[in-house]
Amino acid sequence: MDDELERGFTLYRRFKQFDPERLFRVKHARVVPPVVVELGDLLGLIYRSDKGRHGKSHPYIHVMEDPPRLVCDVSGRQLYIVGGSYSVTSHGIEG
């Protein structure tokens, strides 16, 4: 397993509290485009995860303490989170 996959595996295990069923690389643009449209501050996140409950999803709400900016590409079809101060940990999204 190469270094990036190993780091992804480790973070997944730390966050979800169980091993991933599979590892794969996603083939899509990974770089924020040079021109984006600022939509505003990302004040919080609501997401669903089976974190700590393998197979049973649960909703999570996280209010950002130092909000990153929410921006999109010029086509309005791809969102990006830029900046802010947060970490993905075994406790969830912190910061």
N, C-alpha and C. Protein backbone atom coordinates (compact mmCIF):
# COMPACT_ATOMS: atom_id res chain seq x y z
N MET A 1 0.86 -1.17 0.00
CA MET A 1 0.00 0.00 0.00
C MET A 1 0.91 1.23 0.00
N ASP A 2 0.63 2.19 -0.90
CA ASP A 2 1.48 3.38 -0.92
C ASP A 2 1.13 4.33 0.23
N ASP A 3 1.97 5.34 0.42
CA ASP A 3 1.86 6.24 1.58
C ASP A 3 0.50 6.96 1.65
N GLU A 4 0.00 7.45 0.52
CA GLU A 4 -1.28 8.17 0.54
C GLU A 4 -2.43 7.23 0.91
N LEU A 5 -2.44 6.02 0.34
CA LEU A 5 -3.49 5.07 0.70
C LEU A 5 -3.40 4.69 2.17
N GLU A 6 -2.19 4.51 2.66
CA GLU A 6 -2.00 4.17 4.08
C GLU A 6 -2.52 5.29 4.98
N ARG A 7 -2.22 6.54 4.63
CA ARG A 7 -2.71 7.68 5.42
C ARG A 7 -4.24 7.75 5.36
N GLY A 8 -4.82 7.50 4.19
CA GLY A 8 -6.28 7.48 4.06
C GLY A 8 -6.90 6.37 4.89
N PHE A 9 -6.30 5.19 4.85
CA PHE A 9 -6.76 4.05 5.63
C PHE A 9 -6.73 4.39 7.13
N THR A 10 -5.64 4.98 7.58
CA THR A 10 -5.47 5.33 8.99
C THR A 10 -6.52 6.36 9.43
N LEU A 11 -6.73 7.40 8.62
CA LEU A 11 -7.72 8.42 8.98
C LEU A 11 -9.13 7.83 8.98
N TYR A 12 -9.44 7.01 7.98
CA TYR A 12 -10.76 6.36 7.94
C TYR A 12 -10.98 5.56 9.21
N ARG A 13 -10.01 4.73 9.58
CA ARG A 13 -10.13 3.88 10.77
C ARG A 13 -10.29 4.73 12.03
N ARG A 14 -9.51 5.82 12.12
CA ARG A 14 -9.59 6.69 13.30
C ARG A 14 -10.97 7.35 13.38
N PHE A 15 -11.49 7.83 12.24
CA PHE A 15 -12.77 8.54 12.23
C PHE A 15 -13.95 7.58 12.39
N LYS A 16 -13.98 6.50 11.62
CA LYS A 16 -15.13 5.59 11.62
C LYS A 16 -15.08 4.56 12.73
N GLN A 17 -13.88 4.28 13.25
CA GLN A 17 -13.66 3.30 14.32
C GLN A 17 -13.83 1.87 13.82
N PHE A 18 -13.66 1.65 12.52
CA PHE A 18 -13.57 0.32 11.93
C PHE A 18 -12.85 0.44 10.59
N ASP A 19 -12.37 -0.69 10.09
CA ASP A 19 -11.61 -0.69 8.84
C ASP A 19 -12.52 -0.47 7.63
N PRO A 20 -12.00 0.18 6.59
CA PRO A 20 -12.79 0.33 5.36
C PRO A 20 -12.98 -1.04 4.70
N GLU A 21 -14.10 -1.20 4.00
CA GLU A 21 -14.34 -2.45 3.28
C GLU A 21 -13.50 -2.53 2.02
N ARG A 22 -13.14 -1.36 1.47
CA ARG A 22 -12.32 -1.32 0.26
C ARG A 22 -11.56 -0.01 0.21
N LEU A 23 -10.51 0.00 -0.57
CA LEU A 23 -9.72 1.20 -0.82
C LEU A 23 -9.72 1.44 -2.31
N PHE A 24 -9.87 2.69 -2.73
CA PHE A 24 -9.82 2.99 -4.15
C PHE A 24 -9.43 4.43 -4.37
N ARG A 25 -8.92 4.70 -5.54
CA ARG A 25 -8.60 6.06 -5.95
C ARG A 25 -9.75 6.60 -6.78
N VAL A 26 -10.10 7.84 -6.56
CA VAL A 26 -11.17 8.49 -7.30
C VAL A 26 -10.55 9.30 -8.43
N LYS A 27 -11.04 9.11 -9.64
CA LYS A 27 -10.50 9.83 -10.79
C LYS A 27 -11.42 11.02 -11.10
N HIS A 28 -11.03 12.18 -10.60
CA HIS A 28 -11.72 13.43 -10.91
C HIS A 28 -10.78 14.57 -10.58
N ALA A 29 -11.14 15.76 -11.01
CA ALA A 29 -10.29 16.92 -10.74
C ALA A 29 -10.16 17.11 -9.23
N ARG A 30 -8.93 17.26 -8.74
CA ARG A 30 -8.71 17.40 -7.30
C ARG A 30 -8.22 18.79 -6.92
N VAL A 31 -8.15 19.66 -7.88
CA VAL A 31 -7.59 20.98 -7.64
C VAL A 31 -8.70 22.03 -7.74
N VAL A 32 -8.70 22.95 -6.80
CA VAL A 32 -9.66 24.06 -6.87
C VAL A 32 -9.30 24.87 -8.11
N PRO A 33 -10.28 25.18 -8.95
CA PRO A 33 -10.00 25.95 -10.16
C PRO A 33 -9.44 27.33 -9.84
N PRO A 34 -8.76 27.96 -10.81
CA PRO A 34 -8.15 29.26 -10.56
C PRO A 34 -9.18 30.37 -10.34
N VAL A 35 -10.40 30.18 -10.84
CA VAL A 35 -11.47 31.17 -10.64
C VAL A 35 -12.65 30.46 -9.99
N VAL A 36 -13.06 30.96 -8.82
CA VAL A 36 -14.20 30.41 -8.11
C VAL A 36 -15.14 31.55 -7.72
N VAL A 37 -16.36 31.18 -7.41
CA VAL A 37 -17.37 32.14 -6.96
C VAL A 37 -17.56 31.94 -5.46
N GLU A 38 -17.34 32.99 -4.68
CA GLU A 38 -17.51 32.88 -3.24
C GLU A 38 -18.99 32.92 -2.91
N LEU A 39 -19.45 31.92 -2.19
CA LEU A 39 -20.86 31.84 -1.81
C LEU A 39 -21.09 32.35 -0.40
N GLY A 40 -20.09 32.25 0.46
CA GLY A 40 -20.22 32.73 1.84
C GLY A 40 -19.44 31.87 2.79
N ASP A 41 -19.59 32.14 4.08
CA ASP A 41 -18.92 31.36 5.11
C ASP A 41 -19.69 30.05 5.32
N LEU A 42 -18.97 28.96 5.47
CA LEU A 42 -19.58 27.67 5.78
C LEU A 42 -19.70 27.58 7.30
N LEU A 43 -20.87 27.90 7.82
CA LEU A 43 -21.07 27.99 9.26
C LEU A 43 -21.20 26.63 9.93
N GLY A 44 -21.58 25.62 9.16
CA GLY A 44 -21.73 24.30 9.73
C GLY A 44 -21.88 23.24 8.67
N LEU A 45 -21.83 22.00 9.12
CA LEU A 45 -21.99 20.83 8.25
C LEU A 45 -23.03 19.92 8.86
N ILE A 46 -23.85 19.34 8.02
CA ILE A 46 -24.75 18.27 8.43
C ILE A 46 -24.45 17.10 7.49
N TYR A 47 -24.09 15.97 8.06
CA TYR A 47 -23.77 14.81 7.23
C TYR A 47 -24.22 13.54 7.93
N ARG A 48 -24.25 12.45 7.19
CA ARG A 48 -24.64 11.16 7.74
C ARG A 48 -23.44 10.22 7.61
N SER A 49 -23.17 9.47 8.66
CA SER A 49 -22.05 8.53 8.66
C SER A 49 -22.37 7.35 9.56
N ASP A 50 -21.75 6.22 9.23
CA ASP A 50 -21.89 5.06 10.12
C ASP A 50 -20.72 4.99 11.09
N LYS A 51 -20.17 6.17 11.40
CA LYS A 51 -19.03 6.30 12.32
C LYS A 51 -19.31 5.55 13.63
N GLY A 52 -18.46 4.59 13.95
CA GLY A 52 -18.60 3.84 15.19
C GLY A 52 -19.76 2.87 15.21
N ARG A 53 -20.53 2.81 14.14
CA ARG A 53 -21.71 1.93 14.09
C ARG A 53 -21.72 1.22 12.74
N HIS A 54 -20.75 0.46 12.45
CA HIS A 54 -20.59 -0.17 11.14
C HIS A 54 -21.94 -0.65 10.60
N GLY A 55 -22.39 -0.01 9.51
CA GLY A 55 -23.64 -0.38 8.87
C GLY A 55 -24.87 0.39 9.32
N LYS A 56 -24.76 1.19 10.38
CA LYS A 56 -25.91 1.96 10.87
C LYS A 56 -25.57 3.44 10.80
N SER A 57 -26.15 4.15 9.82
CA SER A 57 -25.89 5.58 9.67
C SER A 57 -26.58 6.39 10.74
N HIS A 58 -25.94 7.51 11.06
CA HIS A 58 -26.46 8.43 12.06
C HIS A 58 -26.13 9.85 11.58
N PRO A 59 -27.06 10.80 11.72
CA PRO A 59 -26.76 12.18 11.29
C PRO A 59 -25.87 12.89 12.31
N TYR A 60 -24.98 13.73 11.79
CA TYR A 60 -24.09 14.54 12.62
C TYR A 60 -24.23 16.00 12.19
N ILE A 61 -24.21 16.90 13.16
CA ILE A 61 -24.26 18.33 12.89
C ILE A 61 -23.01 18.94 13.53
N HIS A 62 -22.27 19.70 12.73
CA HIS A 62 -21.05 20.33 13.24
C HIS A 62 -21.10 21.82 12.93
N VAL A 63 -21.00 22.65 13.96
CA VAL A 63 -20.92 24.11 13.79
C VAL A 63 -19.44 24.48 13.74
N MET A 64 -19.04 25.20 12.69
CA MET A 64 -17.64 25.56 12.49
C MET A 64 -17.27 26.73 13.40
N GLU A 65 -16.20 26.58 14.18
CA GLU A 65 -15.74 27.65 15.07
C GLU A 65 -15.03 28.76 14.28
N ASP A 66 -14.20 28.38 13.33
CA ASP A 66 -13.50 29.32 12.45
C ASP A 66 -13.93 28.96 11.03
N PRO A 67 -15.06 29.50 10.57
CA PRO A 67 -15.67 29.02 9.34
C PRO A 67 -14.78 29.18 8.11
N PRO A 68 -14.68 28.09 7.32
CA PRO A 68 -14.05 28.21 6.02
C PRO A 68 -15.02 28.89 5.05
N ARG A 69 -14.52 29.22 3.87
CA ARG A 69 -15.39 29.80 2.85
C ARG A 69 -15.96 28.68 1.99
N LEU A 70 -17.21 28.84 1.59
CA LEU A 70 -17.83 27.94 0.63
C LEU A 70 -17.80 28.62 -0.72
N VAL A 71 -17.18 27.98 -1.70
CA VAL A 71 -17.06 28.54 -3.05
C VAL A 71 -17.50 27.48 -4.05
N CYS A 72 -17.75 27.91 -5.28
CA CYS A 72 -18.09 26.96 -6.34
C CYS A 72 -17.33 27.32 -7.60
N ASP A 73 -17.29 26.37 -8.53
CA ASP A 73 -16.66 26.66 -9.82
C ASP A 73 -17.59 27.58 -10.62
N VAL A 74 -17.10 28.10 -11.72
CA VAL A 74 -17.88 29.09 -12.49
C VAL A 74 -19.09 28.47 -13.18
N SER A 75 -19.13 27.13 -13.28
CA SER A 75 -20.32 26.49 -13.85
C SER A 75 -21.42 26.32 -12.80
N GLY A 76 -21.06 26.50 -11.51
CA GLY A 76 -22.02 26.32 -10.43
C GLY A 76 -22.34 24.87 -10.16
N ARG A 77 -21.47 23.95 -10.57
CA ARG A 77 -21.75 22.52 -10.42
C ARG A 77 -20.84 21.80 -9.44
N GLN A 78 -19.82 22.48 -8.92
CA GLN A 78 -18.90 21.84 -7.98
C GLN A 78 -18.62 22.78 -6.82
N LEU A 79 -18.83 22.30 -5.60
CA LEU A 79 -18.56 23.09 -4.40
C LEU A 79 -17.17 22.77 -3.87
N TYR A 80 -16.55 23.77 -3.22
CA TYR A 80 -15.25 23.60 -2.57
C TYR A 80 -15.29 24.29 -1.21
N ILE A 81 -14.60 23.71 -0.25
CA ILE A 81 -14.45 24.30 1.07
C ILE A 81 -13.02 24.82 1.13
N VAL A 82 -12.87 26.12 1.40
CA VAL A 82 -11.55 26.76 1.34
C VAL A 82 -11.24 27.43 2.67
N GLY A 83 -10.09 27.09 3.26
CA GLY A 83 -9.65 27.75 4.49
C GLY A 83 -10.33 27.19 5.72
N GLY A 84 -10.41 28.02 6.74
CA GLY A 84 -10.97 27.61 8.02
C GLY A 84 -9.94 26.86 8.84
N SER A 85 -10.35 26.46 10.00
CA SER A 85 -9.44 25.75 10.91
C SER A 85 -10.21 24.60 11.53
N TYR A 86 -9.99 23.39 11.04
CA TYR A 86 -10.69 22.22 11.54
C TYR A 86 -9.82 20.99 11.30
N SER A 87 -10.13 19.92 11.99
CA SER A 87 -9.42 18.66 11.82
C SER A 87 -10.43 17.52 11.85
N VAL A 88 -10.15 16.47 11.09
CA VAL A 88 -10.94 15.26 11.13
C VAL A 88 -10.21 14.31 12.08
N THR A 89 -10.88 13.94 13.18
CA THR A 89 -10.26 13.13 14.23
C THR A 89 -11.18 11.97 14.61
N SER A 90 -10.76 11.18 15.56
CA SER A 90 -11.59 10.09 16.06
C SER A 90 -12.85 10.60 16.76
N HIS A 91 -12.86 11.86 17.15
CA HIS A 91 -14.04 12.46 17.78
C HIS A 91 -14.99 13.06 16.76
N GLY A 92 -14.59 13.13 15.51
CA GLY A 92 -15.40 13.72 14.45
C GLY A 92 -14.66 14.89 13.84
N ILE A 93 -15.40 15.88 13.36
CA ILE A 93 -14.81 17.10 12.81
C ILE A 93 -14.69 18.09 13.95
N GLU A 94 -13.49 18.50 14.23
CA GLU A 94 -13.24 19.40 15.35
C GLU A 94 -12.73 20.74 14.85
N GLY A 95 -13.21 21.83 15.47
CA GLY A 95 -12.73 23.16 15.12
C GLY A 95 -13.79 24.01 14.48
